[in-house]
Amino acid sequence: MRRRTRIVALTLGVLLTAVALSAALLLRDPMPHFQARRSTLATVAESAPVVEEGYALTNVRLTATSGLSLELMVRRSVVDTATGRLPLAVILGGHYTGRQAARMLGETPGVVVAAMSYPYEGNPKPDALTFLRDIPRIRKAFLDTPPAVMLAIDYLRSRPDVDTTRVEAIGVSLGAPFICVAGALDKRITRVWALHGSGGSYTPLQANMKRAIPFGPLRAVAAGVANVIINGPRLDPVRWVGDISPRSFIMVNASEDERLPKPAIDALFTAAREPKEQVWMSGLHVHADRETIARLVSIVMERVRSQPVRR
């Protein structure tokens, strides 16, 4: 009996050690990865512009020397073609909309807008088996997104229609944490926006799993595992947002947001340094609905035009 107990205890100790080592590996400092994947811009592939509702849309695929690649859609009003350099708004929104968010923005005259897709080519709606198989690619996509934002800015600043002194980085929902990280790292960004975003990594994950996993204890375990897999604690925007200062940081949040716990929202704003501002709007979390998007775009565009940030 004692021998069996010792064997069980030894086996459990080995398993716990393996788990601890795996967690330490998964939660290592992401900076070396960011630097390696950031590299330099190698190729640019632009489609012919297509005009829709008064805006010229250009699809662009960028590839870095590291192999990192991403797609974005650049949008500019056709009436702005002769007005020279314009402020730039780089938008990272939800995973499903990606660069197609450029088609949902409504009126944005006087601004060059670039909507990004995430650097992930797996199934956007995986079943359980597909999710397990794609875990390495999902983790890689999370870690590749901040350097992808910086790579996009490399290209966009080289365009003759962009005012390089006015670069607005806008993260919406899932995109807010990544934009905070990129904003902290890339000093070329002159103002950072977190729209319907929050701090934390585990708490938002757990809150967003409620519908898929209604059983609380199982949801807590699933969120904890997912948080480790994506290196959530290291990517928590609370760790990064303070380094955006002395550039401006603005949060826009929904007063009845059903996805983001208010303590997590408050944590991000508290961690930010001056100059910072928080704007509250009525309603629920943005769900790719045109009405909420139009309200968010109106808030951002009003500031971009009336309160330009220059160095």
Protein backbone atom coordinates (compact mmCIF):
# COMPACT_ATOMS: atom_id res chain seq x y z
CA MET A 1 0.00 0.00 0.00
CA ARG A 2 2.78 2.40 0.94
CA ARG A 3 4.64 1.51 -2.25
CA ARG A 4 1.53 2.23 -4.32
CA THR A 5 1.07 5.56 -2.52
CA ARG A 6 4.67 6.50 -3.23
CA ILE A 7 4.24 5.58 -6.92
CA VAL A 8 1.06 7.67 -7.17
CA ALA A 9 2.74 10.60 -5.41
CA LEU A 10 5.79 10.34 -7.66
CA THR A 11 3.64 10.16 -10.79
CA LEU A 12 1.60 13.15 -9.67
CA GLY A 13 4.79 15.07 -8.92
CA VAL A 14 6.16 14.33 -12.38
CA LEU A 15 2.90 15.44 -14.02
CA LEU A 16 2.76 18.65 -12.02
CA THR A 17 6.38 19.39 -12.86
CA ALA A 18 5.67 18.80 -16.56
CA VAL A 19 2.66 21.12 -16.38
CA ALA A 20 4.70 23.79 -14.60
CA LEU A 21 7.51 23.57 -17.15
CA SER A 22 5.03 23.70 -20.04
CA ALA A 23 3.33 26.74 -18.53
CA ALA A 24 6.70 28.46 -18.04
CA LEU A 25 7.54 27.79 -21.68
CA LEU A 26 4.17 29.04 -22.93
CA LEU A 27 4.29 32.14 -20.74
CA ARG A 28 7.78 33.27 -21.66
CA ASP A 29 8.63 36.86 -22.59
CA PRO A 30 7.11 37.60 -26.04
CA MET A 31 9.55 40.41 -26.92
CA PRO A 32 12.10 38.19 -28.74
CA HIS A 33 9.25 36.79 -30.85
CA PHE A 34 7.91 40.28 -31.57
CA GLN A 35 11.35 41.47 -32.71
CA ALA A 36 12.05 38.43 -34.87
CA ARG A 37 8.67 38.50 -36.61
CA ARG A 38 8.66 42.28 -37.00
CA SER A 39 11.81 42.17 -39.19
CA THR A 40 11.43 44.34 -42.31
CA LEU A 41 8.94 44.67 -45.13
CA ALA A 42 9.87 42.35 -48.02
CA THR A 43 6.98 42.42 -50.52
CA VAL A 44 3.82 44.45 -51.17
CA ALA A 45 1.02 43.16 -53.41
CA GLU A 46 -1.74 45.69 -54.13
CA SER A 47 -4.97 45.03 -55.99
CA ALA A 48 -6.50 47.51 -58.40
CA PRO A 49 -8.72 49.95 -56.45
CA VAL A 50 -12.47 49.33 -56.50
CA VAL A 51 -14.85 52.24 -55.92
CA GLU A 52 -17.82 51.57 -53.65
CA GLU A 53 -20.19 54.27 -52.39
CA GLY A 54 -17.71 57.05 -53.04
CA TYR A 55 -14.65 55.33 -51.53
CA ALA A 56 -11.72 53.68 -53.29
CA LEU A 57 -10.89 50.30 -51.70
CA THR A 58 -7.51 48.65 -52.24
CA ASN A 59 -6.65 45.17 -50.97
CA VAL A 60 -3.03 44.82 -49.90
CA ARG A 61 -0.98 41.79 -48.88
CA LEU A 62 2.27 42.43 -47.01
CA THR A 63 5.06 39.97 -46.34
CA ALA A 64 8.01 40.49 -44.02
CA THR A 65 11.49 39.00 -44.37
CA SER A 66 10.61 36.77 -41.39
CA GLY A 67 7.73 35.23 -43.36
CA LEU A 68 5.04 37.10 -41.41
CA SER A 69 2.23 38.07 -43.78
CA LEU A 70 -1.02 39.96 -43.40
CA GLU A 71 -3.84 41.42 -45.42
CA LEU A 72 -5.45 44.83 -45.13
CA MET A 73 -7.89 47.00 -47.01
CA VAL A 74 -7.07 50.67 -47.56
CA ARG A 75 -10.01 53.06 -47.93
CA ARG A 76 -9.99 56.64 -49.11
CA SER A 77 -12.74 58.96 -50.29
CA VAL A 78 -12.59 59.61 -54.02
CA VAL A 79 -13.09 63.33 -53.38
CA ASP A 80 -9.83 63.39 -51.38
CA THR A 81 -7.65 62.36 -54.30
CA ALA A 82 -6.25 65.85 -54.84
CA THR A 83 -5.94 66.98 -51.21
CA GLY A 84 -2.44 65.68 -50.50
CA ARG A 85 -1.45 63.90 -47.32
CA LEU A 86 -4.19 62.86 -44.89
CA PRO A 87 -4.25 61.49 -41.34
CA LEU A 88 -4.10 57.71 -41.11
CA ALA A 89 -6.43 55.46 -39.08
CA VAL A 90 -5.27 51.84 -38.69
CA ILE A 91 -8.13 49.64 -37.47
CA LEU A 92 -7.93 46.17 -35.93
CA GLY A 93 -11.38 44.85 -35.08
CA GLY A 94 -12.99 41.44 -34.73
CA HIS A 95 -11.52 38.26 -36.11
CA TYR A 96 -14.49 37.53 -38.38
CA THR A 97 -14.67 40.95 -40.03
CA GLY A 98 -10.92 41.61 -40.38
CA ARG A 99 -10.08 43.85 -43.31
CA GLN A 100 -13.71 43.78 -44.49
CA ALA A 101 -14.47 46.19 -41.63
CA ALA A 102 -13.37 48.91 -44.07
CA ARG A 103 -16.68 48.35 -45.88
CA MET A 104 -18.75 48.94 -42.73
CA LEU A 105 -17.43 52.29 -41.52
CA GLY A 106 -19.82 54.79 -43.08
CA GLU A 107 -18.49 58.28 -43.81
CA THR A 108 -14.74 58.83 -43.23
CA PRO A 109 -13.77 61.69 -45.59
CA GLY A 110 -10.42 63.36 -45.02
CA VAL A 111 -8.83 60.24 -43.52
CA VAL A 112 -6.95 57.29 -45.02
CA VAL A 113 -8.35 54.20 -43.30
CA ALA A 114 -6.65 50.80 -43.25
CA ALA A 115 -8.54 47.83 -41.77
CA MET A 116 -6.40 44.79 -40.93
CA SER A 117 -7.08 41.08 -40.85
CA TYR A 118 -5.40 38.94 -38.21
CA PRO A 119 -2.36 36.92 -39.33
CA TYR A 120 -4.25 33.64 -38.90
CA GLU A 121 -5.23 31.35 -41.76
CA GLY A 122 -6.99 28.59 -39.81
CA ASN A 123 -10.71 27.91 -39.49
CA PRO A 124 -12.35 31.02 -37.94
CA LYS A 125 -15.11 28.84 -36.40
CA PRO A 126 -13.38 25.60 -35.41
CA ASP A 127 -15.09 22.65 -33.75
CA ALA A 128 -13.45 21.09 -30.69
CA LEU A 129 -11.21 18.75 -32.69
CA THR A 130 -10.12 21.47 -35.11
CA PHE A 131 -9.41 23.81 -32.21
CA LEU A 132 -7.11 21.28 -30.56
CA ARG A 133 -5.29 20.70 -33.83
CA ASP A 134 -4.91 24.43 -34.47
CA ILE A 135 -3.68 25.41 -31.00
CA PRO A 136 -0.10 26.11 -32.23
CA ARG A 137 -1.40 28.30 -35.07
CA ILE A 138 -3.80 30.15 -32.76
CA ARG A 139 -1.01 30.92 -30.31
CA LYS A 140 1.28 32.02 -33.15
CA ALA A 141 -1.43 34.34 -34.53
CA PHE A 142 -1.86 36.04 -31.13
CA LEU A 143 1.88 36.62 -30.83
CA ASP A 144 2.19 37.71 -34.47
CA THR A 145 -0.52 40.37 -34.29
CA PRO A 146 1.43 43.22 -32.60
CA PRO A 147 4.35 42.92 -35.06
CA ALA A 148 1.79 42.68 -37.89
CA VAL A 149 0.38 46.07 -36.84
CA MET A 150 3.87 47.56 -36.98
CA LEU A 151 4.51 45.97 -40.39
CA ALA A 152 1.27 47.52 -41.67
CA ILE A 153 2.44 50.93 -40.45
CA ASP A 154 5.74 50.44 -42.32
CA TYR A 155 3.79 50.15 -45.56
CA LEU A 156 1.14 52.78 -44.82
CA ARG A 157 3.66 55.46 -43.85
CA SER A 158 5.37 54.95 -47.21
CA ARG A 159 2.23 55.91 -49.12
CA PRO A 160 2.29 59.41 -50.66
CA ASP A 161 -1.24 60.17 -49.37
CA VAL A 162 -0.46 59.57 -45.68
CA ASP A 163 0.53 62.27 -43.18
CA THR A 164 3.16 60.40 -41.15
CA THR A 165 2.77 62.81 -38.21
CA ARG A 166 -0.86 61.75 -37.68
CA VAL A 167 -1.12 57.99 -37.20
CA GLU A 168 -4.16 56.83 -35.20
CA ALA A 169 -4.16 53.17 -34.06
CA ILE A 170 -7.64 51.88 -33.27
CA GLY A 171 -8.40 48.55 -31.61
CA VAL A 172 -12.00 47.40 -31.47
CA SER A 173 -13.14 44.64 -29.10
CA LEU A 174 -10.68 41.74 -29.62
CA GLY A 175 -8.32 44.16 -31.36
CA ALA A 176 -8.02 46.54 -28.39
CA PRO A 177 -5.38 44.56 -26.42
CA PHE A 178 -3.18 44.08 -29.49
CA ILE A 179 -3.38 47.75 -30.40
CA CYS A 180 -2.32 48.65 -26.85
CA VAL A 181 0.73 46.39 -27.19
CA ALA A 182 1.61 47.76 -30.63
CA GLY A 183 1.02 51.32 -29.43
CA ALA A 184 3.44 50.80 -26.55
CA LEU A 185 6.12 49.40 -28.87
CA ASP A 186 5.75 51.62 -31.94
CA LYS A 187 6.44 55.28 -31.18
CA ARG A 188 5.36 56.27 -34.71
CA ILE A 189 1.75 55.87 -33.55
CA THR A 190 0.59 59.30 -32.41
CA ARG A 191 -2.65 58.30 -30.65
CA VAL A 192 -4.06 54.97 -29.46
CA TRP A 193 -7.75 54.07 -29.20
CA ALA A 194 -9.31 51.11 -27.35
CA LEU A 195 -12.96 50.82 -28.42
CA HIS A 196 -15.07 48.43 -26.34
CA GLY A 197 -11.89 46.97 -24.86
CA SER A 198 -10.65 46.15 -21.39
CA GLY A 199 -7.68 44.97 -19.42
CA GLY A 200 -7.03 41.45 -18.25
CA SER A 201 -6.74 38.24 -20.20
CA TYR A 202 -8.40 35.50 -18.13
CA THR A 203 -11.41 37.59 -17.04
CA PRO A 204 -12.57 38.62 -20.56
CA LEU A 205 -11.97 35.06 -21.82
CA GLN A 206 -14.04 33.58 -19.03
CA ALA A 207 -16.83 36.13 -19.53
CA ASN A 208 -16.99 35.49 -23.28
CA MET A 209 -17.27 31.72 -22.78
CA LYS A 210 -20.54 31.92 -20.84
CA ARG A 211 -22.78 31.06 -23.77
CA ALA A 212 -20.57 28.27 -25.09
CA ILE A 213 -19.80 26.78 -21.63
CA PRO A 214 -22.65 27.57 -19.21
CA PHE A 215 -21.25 25.33 -16.44
CA GLY A 216 -19.12 27.65 -14.29
CA PRO A 217 -16.36 25.30 -13.05
CA LEU A 218 -15.74 23.89 -16.52
CA ARG A 219 -15.71 27.39 -17.99
CA ALA A 220 -13.14 28.49 -15.41
CA VAL A 221 -10.84 25.60 -16.34
CA ALA A 222 -11.30 26.18 -20.09
CA ALA A 223 -10.56 29.90 -19.75
CA GLY A 224 -7.48 29.17 -17.65
CA VAL A 225 -6.09 26.71 -20.19
CA ALA A 226 -6.84 29.04 -23.11
CA ASN A 227 -5.23 31.93 -21.26
CA VAL A 228 -1.96 30.00 -20.90
CA ILE A 229 -2.04 28.78 -24.51
CA ILE A 230 -2.29 32.30 -25.94
CA ASN A 231 0.26 33.73 -23.46
CA GLY A 232 -2.56 35.87 -22.11
CA PRO A 233 -0.84 37.15 -18.95
CA ARG A 234 2.07 38.50 -21.03
CA LEU A 235 -0.27 40.07 -23.60
CA ASP A 236 -2.54 41.66 -20.99
CA PRO A 237 -2.82 45.30 -22.16
CA VAL A 238 -2.58 46.46 -18.54
CA ARG A 239 1.13 45.52 -18.72
CA TRP A 240 1.69 47.65 -21.82
CA VAL A 241 -0.69 50.60 -21.87
CA GLY A 242 1.42 52.79 -19.56
CA ASP A 243 4.19 52.90 -22.17
CA ILE A 244 1.90 54.69 -24.65
CA SER A 245 2.45 57.91 -22.69
CA PRO A 246 3.30 60.71 -23.43
CA ARG A 247 1.16 60.02 -26.50
CA SER A 248 -2.60 60.17 -26.03
CA PHE A 249 -4.71 57.13 -25.09
CA ILE A 250 -8.51 57.14 -25.44
CA MET A 251 -10.96 54.44 -24.35
CA VAL A 252 -14.56 54.32 -25.60
CA ASN A 253 -16.76 51.87 -23.70
CA ALA A 254 -20.39 50.76 -23.70
CA SER A 255 -22.31 51.46 -20.49
CA GLU A 256 -24.15 48.12 -20.72
CA ASP A 257 -21.35 45.97 -22.13
CA GLU A 258 -22.39 42.36 -21.57
CA ARG A 259 -19.03 40.90 -22.60
CA LEU A 260 -16.52 42.94 -20.63
CA PRO A 261 -16.68 43.09 -16.82
CA LYS A 262 -16.42 46.67 -15.59
CA PRO A 263 -13.50 45.92 -13.23
CA ALA A 264 -11.50 44.79 -16.28
CA ILE A 265 -12.45 47.98 -18.14
CA ASP A 266 -11.47 50.10 -15.15
CA ALA A 267 -8.16 48.23 -14.77
CA LEU A 268 -7.02 49.22 -18.26
CA PHE A 269 -7.91 52.89 -17.85
CA THR A 270 -6.27 53.01 -14.42
CA ALA A 271 -3.04 51.48 -15.80
CA ALA A 272 -2.84 54.07 -18.59
CA ARG A 273 -0.87 57.25 -17.94
CA GLU A 274 -1.72 60.80 -18.89
CA PRO A 275 -2.74 62.07 -21.33
CA LYS A 276 -5.72 59.72 -21.26
CA GLU A 277 -9.48 59.97 -21.64
CA GLN A 278 -12.47 57.68 -21.28
CA VAL A 279 -15.72 58.16 -23.22
CA TRP A 280 -18.87 56.27 -22.29
CA MET A 281 -21.60 55.52 -24.81
CA SER A 282 -24.96 53.89 -24.19
CA GLY A 283 -25.74 50.36 -25.33
CA LEU A 284 -24.19 46.91 -25.51
CA HIS A 285 -20.88 45.58 -26.81
CA VAL A 286 -20.24 46.06 -30.51
CA HIS A 287 -21.27 42.99 -32.53
CA ALA A 288 -20.35 44.02 -36.08
CA ASP A 289 -23.68 45.86 -36.24
CA ARG A 290 -23.59 48.92 -38.45
CA GLU A 291 -25.42 51.20 -35.99
CA THR A 292 -22.89 50.70 -33.18
CA ILE A 293 -19.98 50.85 -35.61
CA ALA A 294 -21.31 54.13 -37.04
CA ARG A 295 -21.49 55.62 -33.53
CA LEU A 296 -17.92 54.55 -32.75
CA VAL A 297 -16.62 55.84 -36.07
CA SER A 298 -18.37 59.17 -35.48
CA ILE A 299 -16.65 59.58 -32.09
CA VAL A 300 -13.22 58.75 -33.53
CA MET A 301 -13.53 60.80 -36.72
CA GLU A 302 -14.73 63.88 -34.85
CA ARG A 303 -11.56 63.79 -32.73
CA VAL A 304 -9.27 63.03 -35.65
CA ARG A 305 -10.53 66.06 -37.57
CA SER A 306 -11.07 68.52 -34.69
CA GLN A 307 -8.24 67.50 -32.36
CA PRO A 308 -5.29 66.51 -34.52
CA VAL A 309 -2.33 65.12 -32.64
CA ARG A 310 0.99 66.35 -33.96
CA ARG A 311 4.52 65.85 -32.74
